[in-house]
Amino acid sequence: MKFGMQIDYAGGFAESAAKVAEFEKAGLDIAWVAEAYGFDAPTFMGYLAAKTESITIGAGILPIYTRTPTLMAMT
């Protein structure tokens, strides 16, 4: 069984990434990132990937109506 949780944006990218790194050390398997409140989920996912080692990072919510088809394909 794998354990995951949705990551919030309280405190900004750096604070949230620090929390995810701590959760990873504690054994969390998956961090889900939502696109909300003006934050771009793919940008945050890339930041998390740079700050962690083995945790799986997924997009919990990624609305397609805010992106062109080309941008969605690049994401």
PDB file of N, CA and C in Angstrom:
ATOM      1  N   MET A   1       0.840  -1.161   0.000  1.00  0.00           N
ATOM      2  CA  MET A   1       0.000   0.000   0.000  1.00  0.00           C
ATOM      3  C   MET A   1       0.892   1.233   0.000  1.00  0.00           C
ATOM      4  N   LYS A   2       0.493   2.213  -0.796  1.00  0.00           N
ATOM      5  CA  LYS A   2       1.232   3.478  -0.836  1.00  0.00           C
ATOM      6  C   LYS A   2       0.387   4.571  -0.202  1.00  0.00           C
ATOM      7  N   PHE A   3       1.065   5.527   0.388  1.00  0.00           N
ATOM      8  CA  PHE A   3       0.388   6.638   1.040  1.00  0.00           C
ATOM      9  C   PHE A   3       0.705   7.938   0.320  1.00  0.00           C
ATOM     10  N   GLY A   4      -0.320   8.758   0.149  1.00  0.00           N
ATOM     11  CA  GLY A   4      -0.139  10.048  -0.496  1.00  0.00           C
ATOM     12  C   GLY A   4      -1.027  11.094   0.140  1.00  0.00           C
ATOM     13  N   MET A   5      -0.756  12.333  -0.179  1.00  0.00           N
ATOM     14  CA  MET A   5      -1.590  13.421   0.326  1.00  0.00           C
ATOM     15  C   MET A   5      -1.503  14.614  -0.607  1.00  0.00           C
ATOM     16  N   GLN A   6      -2.540  15.437  -0.545  1.00  0.00           N
ATOM     17  CA  GLN A   6      -2.540  16.663  -1.341  1.00  0.00           C
ATOM     18  C   GLN A   6      -1.753  17.731  -0.598  1.00  0.00           C
ATOM     19  N   ILE A   7      -0.923  18.435  -1.325  1.00  0.00           N
ATOM     20  CA  ILE A   7      -0.077  19.475  -0.746  1.00  0.00           C
ATOM     21  C   ILE A   7      -0.745  20.827  -0.945  1.00  0.00           C
ATOM     22  N   ASP A   8      -0.774  21.624   0.106  1.00  0.00           N
ATOM     23  CA  ASP A   8      -1.380  22.957  -0.004  1.00  0.00           C
ATOM     24  C   ASP A   8      -0.306  24.002  -0.295  1.00  0.00           C
ATOM     25  N   TYR A   9      -0.763  25.207  -0.521  1.00  0.00           N
ATOM     26  CA  TYR A   9       0.155  26.295  -0.866  1.00  0.00           C
ATOM     27  C   TYR A   9       0.372  27.265   0.294  1.00  0.00           C
ATOM     28  N   ALA A  10      -0.028  26.892   1.492  1.00  0.00           N
ATOM     29  CA  ALA A  10       0.132  27.783   2.637  1.00  0.00           C
ATOM     30  C   ALA A  10       1.612  28.083   2.856  1.00  0.00           C
ATOM     31  N   GLY A  11       1.965  29.348   2.837  1.00  0.00           N
ATOM     32  CA  GLY A  11       3.346  29.742   3.062  1.00  0.00           C
ATOM     33  C   GLY A  11       4.181  29.862   1.803  1.00  0.00           C
ATOM     34  N   GLY A  12       3.646  29.447   0.659  1.00  0.00           N
ATOM     35  CA  GLY A  12       4.392  29.570  -0.591  1.00  0.00           C
ATOM     36  C   GLY A  12       5.136  28.305  -0.978  1.00  0.00           C
ATOM     37  N   PHE A  13       5.829  28.382  -2.114  1.00  0.00           N
ATOM     38  CA  PHE A  13       6.528  27.228  -2.680  1.00  0.00           C
ATOM     39  C   PHE A  13       7.596  26.673  -1.745  1.00  0.00           C
ATOM     40  N   ALA A  14       8.440  27.525  -1.223  1.00  0.00           N
ATOM     41  CA  ALA A  14       9.581  27.055  -0.426  1.00  0.00           C
ATOM     42  C   ALA A  14       9.130  26.316   0.825  1.00  0.00           C
ATOM     43  N   GLU A  15       8.155  26.877   1.529  1.00  0.00           N
ATOM     44  CA  GLU A  15       7.675  26.231   2.754  1.00  0.00           C
ATOM     45  C   GLU A  15       6.976  24.914   2.441  1.00  0.00           C
ATOM     46  N   SER A  16       6.161  24.895   1.399  1.00  0.00           N
ATOM     47  CA  SER A  16       5.468  23.665   1.016  1.00  0.00           C
ATOM     48  C   SER A  16       6.459  22.593   0.567  1.00  0.00           C
ATOM     49  N   ALA A  17       7.485  22.982  -0.170  1.00  0.00           N
ATOM     50  CA  ALA A  17       8.503  22.025  -0.610  1.00  0.00           C
ATOM     51  C   ALA A  17       9.276  21.459   0.580  1.00  0.00           C
ATOM     52  N   ALA A  18       9.538  22.283   1.567  1.00  0.00           N
ATOM     53  CA  ALA A  18      10.215  21.804   2.776  1.00  0.00           C
ATOM     54  C   ALA A  18       9.351  20.779   3.501  1.00  0.00           C
ATOM     55  N   LYS A  19       8.036  21.026   3.539  1.00  0.00           N
ATOM     56  CA  LYS A  19       7.116  20.060   4.156  1.00  0.00           C
ATOM     57  C   LYS A  19       7.142  18.738   3.398  1.00  0.00           C
ATOM     58  N   VAL A  20       7.109  18.811   2.069  1.00  0.00           N
ATOM     59  CA  VAL A  20       7.115  17.593   1.257  1.00  0.00           C
ATOM     60  C   VAL A  20       8.409  16.814   1.478  1.00  0.00           C
ATOM     61  N   ALA A  21       9.531  17.490   1.587  1.00  0.00           N
ATOM     62  CA  ALA A  21      10.808  16.818   1.851  1.00  0.00           C
ATOM     63  C   ALA A  21      10.766  16.104   3.204  1.00  0.00           C
ATOM     64  N   GLU A  22      10.146  16.726   4.200  1.00  0.00           N
ATOM     65  CA  GLU A  22      10.003  16.092   5.513  1.00  0.00           C
ATOM     66  C   GLU A  22       9.075  14.888   5.427  1.00  0.00           C
ATOM     67  N   PHE A  23       7.963  15.039   4.700  1.00  0.00           N
ATOM     68  CA  PHE A  23       7.019  13.930   4.531  1.00  0.00           C
ATOM     69  C   PHE A  23       7.691  12.762   3.808  1.00  0.00           C
ATOM     70  N   GLU A  24       8.531  13.069   2.827  1.00  0.00           N
ATOM     71  CA  GLU A  24       9.251  12.034   2.090  1.00  0.00           C
ATOM     72  C   GLU A  24      10.159  11.247   3.034  1.00  0.00           C
ATOM     73  N   LYS A  25      10.870  11.946   3.900  1.00  0.00           N
ATOM     74  CA  LYS A  25      11.748  11.277   4.867  1.00  0.00           C
ATOM     75  C   LYS A  25      10.955  10.420   5.842  1.00  0.00           C
ATOM     76  N   ALA A  26       9.691  10.824   6.106  1.00  0.00           N
ATOM     77  CA  ALA A  26       8.833  10.073   7.023  1.00  0.00           C
ATOM     78  C   ALA A  26       8.160   8.883   6.340  1.00  0.00           C
ATOM     79  N   GLY A  27       8.318   8.768   5.005  1.00  0.00           N
ATOM     80  CA  GLY A  27       7.785   7.610   4.310  1.00  0.00           C
ATOM     81  C   GLY A  27       6.614   7.862   3.375  1.00  0.00           C
ATOM     82  N   LEU A  28       6.235   9.111   3.165  1.00  0.00           N
ATOM     83  CA  LEU A  28       5.143   9.404   2.234  1.00  0.00           C
ATOM     84  C   LEU A  28       5.572   9.015   0.825  1.00  0.00           C
ATOM     85  N   ASP A  29       4.664   8.375   0.083  1.00  0.00           N
ATOM     86  CA  ASP A  29       4.998   7.880  -1.251  1.00  0.00           C
ATOM     87  C   ASP A  29       4.629   8.842  -2.372  1.00  0.00           C
ATOM     88  N   ILE A  30       3.500   9.543  -2.224  1.00  0.00           N
ATOM     89  CA  ILE A  30       2.990  10.374  -3.315  1.00  0.00           C
ATOM     90  C   ILE A  30       2.561  11.737  -2.781  1.00  0.00           C
ATOM     91  N   ALA A  31       2.942  12.788  -3.480  1.00  0.00           N
ATOM     92  CA  ALA A  31       2.490  14.152  -3.168  1.00  0.00           C
ATOM     93  C   ALA A  31       1.645  14.633  -4.345  1.00  0.00           C
ATOM     94  N   TRP A  32       0.392  14.977  -4.071  1.00  0.00           N
ATOM     95  CA  TRP A  32      -0.518  15.474  -5.101  1.00  0.00           C
ATOM     96  C   TRP A  32      -0.557  16.990  -5.044  1.00  0.00           C
ATOM     97  N   VAL A  33      -0.440  17.613  -6.199  1.00  0.00           N
ATOM     98  CA  VAL A  33      -0.431  19.070  -6.303  1.00  0.00           C
ATOM     99  C   VAL A  33      -1.643  19.506  -7.115  1.00  0.00           C
ATOM    100  N   ALA A  34      -2.384  20.462  -6.595  1.00  0.00           N
ATOM    101  CA  ALA A  34      -3.536  21.009  -7.319  1.00  0.00           C
ATOM    102  C   ALA A  34      -3.197  22.391  -7.866  1.00  0.00           C
ATOM    103  N   GLU A  35      -3.852  22.744  -8.939  1.00  0.00           N
ATOM    104  CA  GLU A  35      -3.683  24.088  -9.478  1.00  0.00           C
ATOM    105  C   GLU A  35      -4.813  24.941  -8.911  1.00  0.00           C
ATOM    106  N   ALA A  36      -4.458  25.871  -8.048  1.00  0.00           N
ATOM    107  CA  ALA A  36      -5.477  26.687  -7.393  1.00  0.00           C
ATOM    108  C   ALA A  36      -4.880  28.014  -6.939  1.00  0.00           C
ATOM    109  N   TYR A  37      -5.749  28.986  -6.778  1.00  0.00           N
ATOM    110  CA  TYR A  37      -5.364  30.287  -6.220  1.00  0.00           C
ATOM    111  C   TYR A  37      -4.256  30.981  -7.011  1.00  0.00           C
ATOM    112  N   GLY A  38      -4.216  30.758  -8.315  1.00  0.00           N
ATOM    113  CA  GLY A  38      -3.230  31.425  -9.153  1.00  0.00           C
ATOM    114  C   GLY A  38      -1.876  30.744  -9.220  1.00  0.00           C
ATOM    115  N   PHE A  39      -1.704  29.624  -8.532  1.00  0.00           N
ATOM    116  CA  PHE A  39      -0.441  28.891  -8.587  1.00  0.00           C
ATOM    117  C   PHE A  39      -0.473  27.902  -9.741  1.00  0.00           C
ATOM    118  N   ASP A  40       0.595  27.812 -10.490  1.00  0.00           N
ATOM    119  CA  ASP A  40       0.708  26.908 -11.620  1.00  0.00           C
ATOM    120  C   ASP A  40       1.223  25.555 -11.131  1.00  0.00           C
ATOM    121  N   ALA A  41       0.396  24.518 -11.238  1.00  0.00           N
ATOM    122  CA  ALA A  41       0.763  23.197 -10.723  1.00  0.00           C
ATOM    123  C   ALA A  41       2.030  22.626 -11.362  1.00  0.00           C
ATOM    124  N   PRO A  42       2.196  22.663 -12.695  1.00  0.00           N
ATOM    125  CA  PRO A  42       3.425  22.101 -13.269  1.00  0.00           C
ATOM    126  C   PRO A  42       4.702  22.795 -12.781  1.00  0.00           C
ATOM    127  N   THR A  43       4.626  24.086 -12.556  1.00  0.00           N
ATOM    128  CA  THR A  43       5.789  24.804 -12.028  1.00  0.00           C
ATOM    129  C   THR A  43       6.137  24.298 -10.635  1.00  0.00           C
ATOM    130  N   PHE A  44       5.122  24.143  -9.791  1.00  0.00           N
ATOM    131  CA  PHE A  44       5.346  23.662  -8.429  1.00  0.00           C
ATOM    132  C   PHE A  44       5.822  22.212  -8.438  1.00  0.00           C
ATOM    133  N   MET A  45       5.286  21.403  -9.351  1.00  0.00           N
ATOM    134  CA  MET A  45       5.719  20.011  -9.449  1.00  0.00           C
ATOM    135  C   MET A  45       7.205  19.926  -9.813  1.00  0.00           C
ATOM    136  N   GLY A  46       7.652  20.780 -10.719  1.00  0.00           N
ATOM    137  CA  GLY A  46       9.069  20.819 -11.073  1.00  0.00           C
ATOM    138  C   GLY A  46       9.934  21.242  -9.904  1.00  0.00           C
ATOM    139  N   TYR A  47       9.445  22.216  -9.141  1.00  0.00           N
ATOM    140  CA  TYR A  47      10.175  22.686  -7.963  1.00  0.00           C
ATOM    141  C   TYR A  47      10.286  21.564  -6.933  1.00  0.00           C
ATOM    142  N   LEU A  48       9.177  20.838  -6.721  1.00  0.00           N
ATOM    143  CA  LEU A  48       9.200  19.719  -5.781  1.00  0.00           C
ATOM    144  C   LEU A  48      10.162  18.630  -6.245  1.00  0.00           C
ATOM    145  N   ALA A  49      10.174  18.353  -7.533  1.00  0.00           N
ATOM    146  CA  ALA A  49      11.074  17.325  -8.063  1.00  0.00           C
ATOM    147  C   ALA A  49      12.536  17.688  -7.808  1.00  0.00           C
ATOM    148  N   ALA A  50      12.847  18.967  -7.867  1.00  0.00           N
ATOM    149  CA  ALA A  50      14.219  19.410  -7.617  1.00  0.00           C
ATOM    150  C   ALA A  50      14.583  19.345  -6.137  1.00  0.00           C
ATOM    151  N   LYS A  51      13.588  19.408  -5.263  1.00  0.00           N
ATOM    152  CA  LYS A  51      13.843  19.456  -3.822  1.00  0.00           C
ATOM    153  C   LYS A  51      13.679  18.106  -3.130  1.00  0.00           C
ATOM    154  N   THR A  52      13.239  17.078  -3.855  1.00  0.00           N
ATOM    155  CA  THR A  52      13.028  15.760  -3.262  1.00  0.00           C
ATOM    156  C   THR A  52      13.838  14.723  -4.028  1.00  0.00           C
ATOM    157  N   GLU A  53      13.845  13.489  -3.505  1.00  0.00           N
ATOM    158  CA  GLU A  53      14.656  12.448  -4.129  1.00  0.00           C
ATOM    159  C   GLU A  53      13.845  11.319  -4.748  1.00  0.00           C
ATOM    160  N   SER A  54      12.851  10.795  -4.035  1.00  0.00           N
ATOM    161  CA  SER A  54      12.189   9.587  -4.523  1.00  0.00           C
ATOM    162  C   SER A  54      10.666   9.634  -4.495  1.00  0.00           C
ATOM    163  N   ILE A  55      10.087  10.663  -3.949  1.00  0.00           N
ATOM    164  CA  ILE A  55       8.638  10.734  -3.837  1.00  0.00           C
ATOM    165  C   ILE A  55       8.014  10.912  -5.228  1.00  0.00           C
ATOM    166  N   THR A  56       6.864  10.297  -5.451  1.00  0.00           N
ATOM    167  CA  THR A  56       6.127  10.470  -6.698  1.00  0.00           C
ATOM    168  C   THR A  56       5.310  11.746  -6.594  1.00  0.00           C
ATOM    169  N   ILE A  57       5.332  12.556  -7.632  1.00  0.00           N
ATOM    170  CA  ILE A  57       4.611  13.827  -7.628  1.00  0.00           C
ATOM    171  C   ILE A  57       3.561  13.775  -8.725  1.00  0.00           C
ATOM    172  N   GLY A  58       2.310  14.065  -8.356  1.00  0.00           N
ATOM    173  CA  GLY A  58       1.229  14.002  -9.331  1.00  0.00           C
ATOM    174  C   GLY A  58       0.383  15.254  -9.326  1.00  0.00           C
ATOM    175  N   ALA A  59      -0.285  15.488 -10.454  1.00  0.00           N
ATOM    176  CA  ALA A  59      -1.203  16.627 -10.576  1.00  0.00           C
ATOM    177  C   ALA A  59      -2.595  16.155 -10.185  1.00  0.00           C
ATOM    178  N   GLY A  60      -3.080  16.633  -9.052  1.00  0.00           N
ATOM    179  CA  GLY A  60      -4.417  16.265  -8.601  1.00  0.00           C
ATOM    180  C   GLY A  60      -5.489  16.972  -9.402  1.00  0.00           C
ATOM    181  N   ILE A  61      -5.278  18.219  -9.700  1.00  0.00           N
ATOM    182  CA  ILE A  61      -6.210  19.007 -10.497  1.00  0.00           C
ATOM    183  C   ILE A  61      -5.383  19.832 -11.468  1.00  0.00           C
ATOM    184  N   LEU A  62      -5.671  19.690 -12.750  1.00  0.00           N
ATOM    185  CA  LEU A  62      -4.972  20.453 -13.771  1.00  0.00           C
ATOM    186  C   LEU A  62      -6.002  20.855 -14.825  1.00  0.00           C
ATOM    187  N   PRO A  63      -6.667  21.994 -14.627  1.00  0.00           N
ATOM    188  CA  PRO A  63      -7.744  22.373 -15.542  1.00  0.00           C
ATOM    189  C   PRO A  63      -7.238  22.640 -16.958  1.00  0.00           C
ATOM    190  N   ILE A  64      -7.902  22.035 -17.918  1.00  0.00           N
ATOM    191  CA  ILE A  64      -7.467  22.193 -19.305  1.00  0.00           C
ATOM    192  C   ILE A  64      -7.970  23.488 -19.930  1.00  0.00           C
ATOM    193  N   TYR A  65      -8.986  24.102 -19.359  1.00  0.00           N
ATOM    194  CA  TYR A  65      -9.541  25.316 -19.959  1.00  0.00           C
ATOM    195  C   TYR A  65      -8.643  26.535 -19.771  1.00  0.00           C
ATOM    196  N   THR A  66      -7.632  26.443 -18.935  1.00  0.00           N
ATOM    197  CA  THR A  66      -6.718  27.571 -18.734  1.00  0.00           C
ATOM    198  C   THR A  66      -5.480  27.480 -19.616  1.00  0.00           C
ATOM    199  N   ARG A  67      -5.396  26.427 -20.435  1.00  0.00           N
ATOM    200  CA  ARG A  67      -4.221  26.219 -21.283  1.00  0.00           C
ATOM    201  C   ARG A  67      -4.645  25.936 -22.719  1.00  0.00           C
ATOM    202  N   THR A  68      -3.818  26.335 -23.651  1.00  0.00           N
ATOM    203  CA  THR A  68      -4.044  25.973 -25.046  1.00  0.00           C
ATOM    204  C   THR A  68      -3.669  24.496 -25.221  1.00  0.00           C
ATOM    205  N   PRO A  69      -4.141  23.836 -26.277  1.00  0.00           N
ATOM    206  CA  PRO A  69      -3.750  22.439 -26.491  1.00  0.00           C
ATOM    207  C   PRO A  69      -2.232  22.248 -26.574  1.00  0.00           C
ATOM    208  N   THR A  70      -1.546  23.186 -27.181  1.00  0.00           N
ATOM    209  CA  THR A  70      -0.090  23.081 -27.287  1.00  0.00           C
ATOM    210  C   THR A  70       0.570  23.173 -25.919  1.00  0.00           C
ATOM    211  N   LEU A  71       0.129  24.117 -25.112  1.00  0.00           N
ATOM    212  CA  LEU A  71       0.689  24.256 -23.768  1.00  0.00           C
ATOM    213  C   LEU A  71       0.375  23.032 -22.921  1.00  0.00           C
ATOM    214  N   MET A  72      -0.825  22.481 -23.055  1.00  0.00           N
ATOM    215  CA  MET A  72      -1.186  21.283 -22.305  1.00  0.00           C
ATOM    216  C   MET A  72      -0.284  20.117 -22.706  1.00  0.00           C
ATOM    217  N   ALA A  73       0.015  19.988 -23.995  1.00  0.00           N
ATOM    218  CA  ALA A  73       0.903  18.920 -24.456  1.00  0.00           C
ATOM    219  C   ALA A  73       2.316  19.105 -23.906  1.00  0.00           C
ATOM    220  N   MET A  74       2.759  20.349 -23.799  1.00  0.00           N
ATOM    221  CA  MET A  74       4.090  20.624 -23.257  1.00  0.00           C
ATOM    222  C   MET A  74       4.147  20.345 -21.763  1.00  0.00           C
ATOM    223  N   THR A  75       3.016  20.448 -21.083  1.00  0.00           N
ATOM    224  CA  THR A  75       2.951  20.210 -19.655  1.00  0.00           C
ATOM    225  C   THR A  75       3.071  18.734 -19.392  1.00  0.00           C
TER     226      THR A  75
END
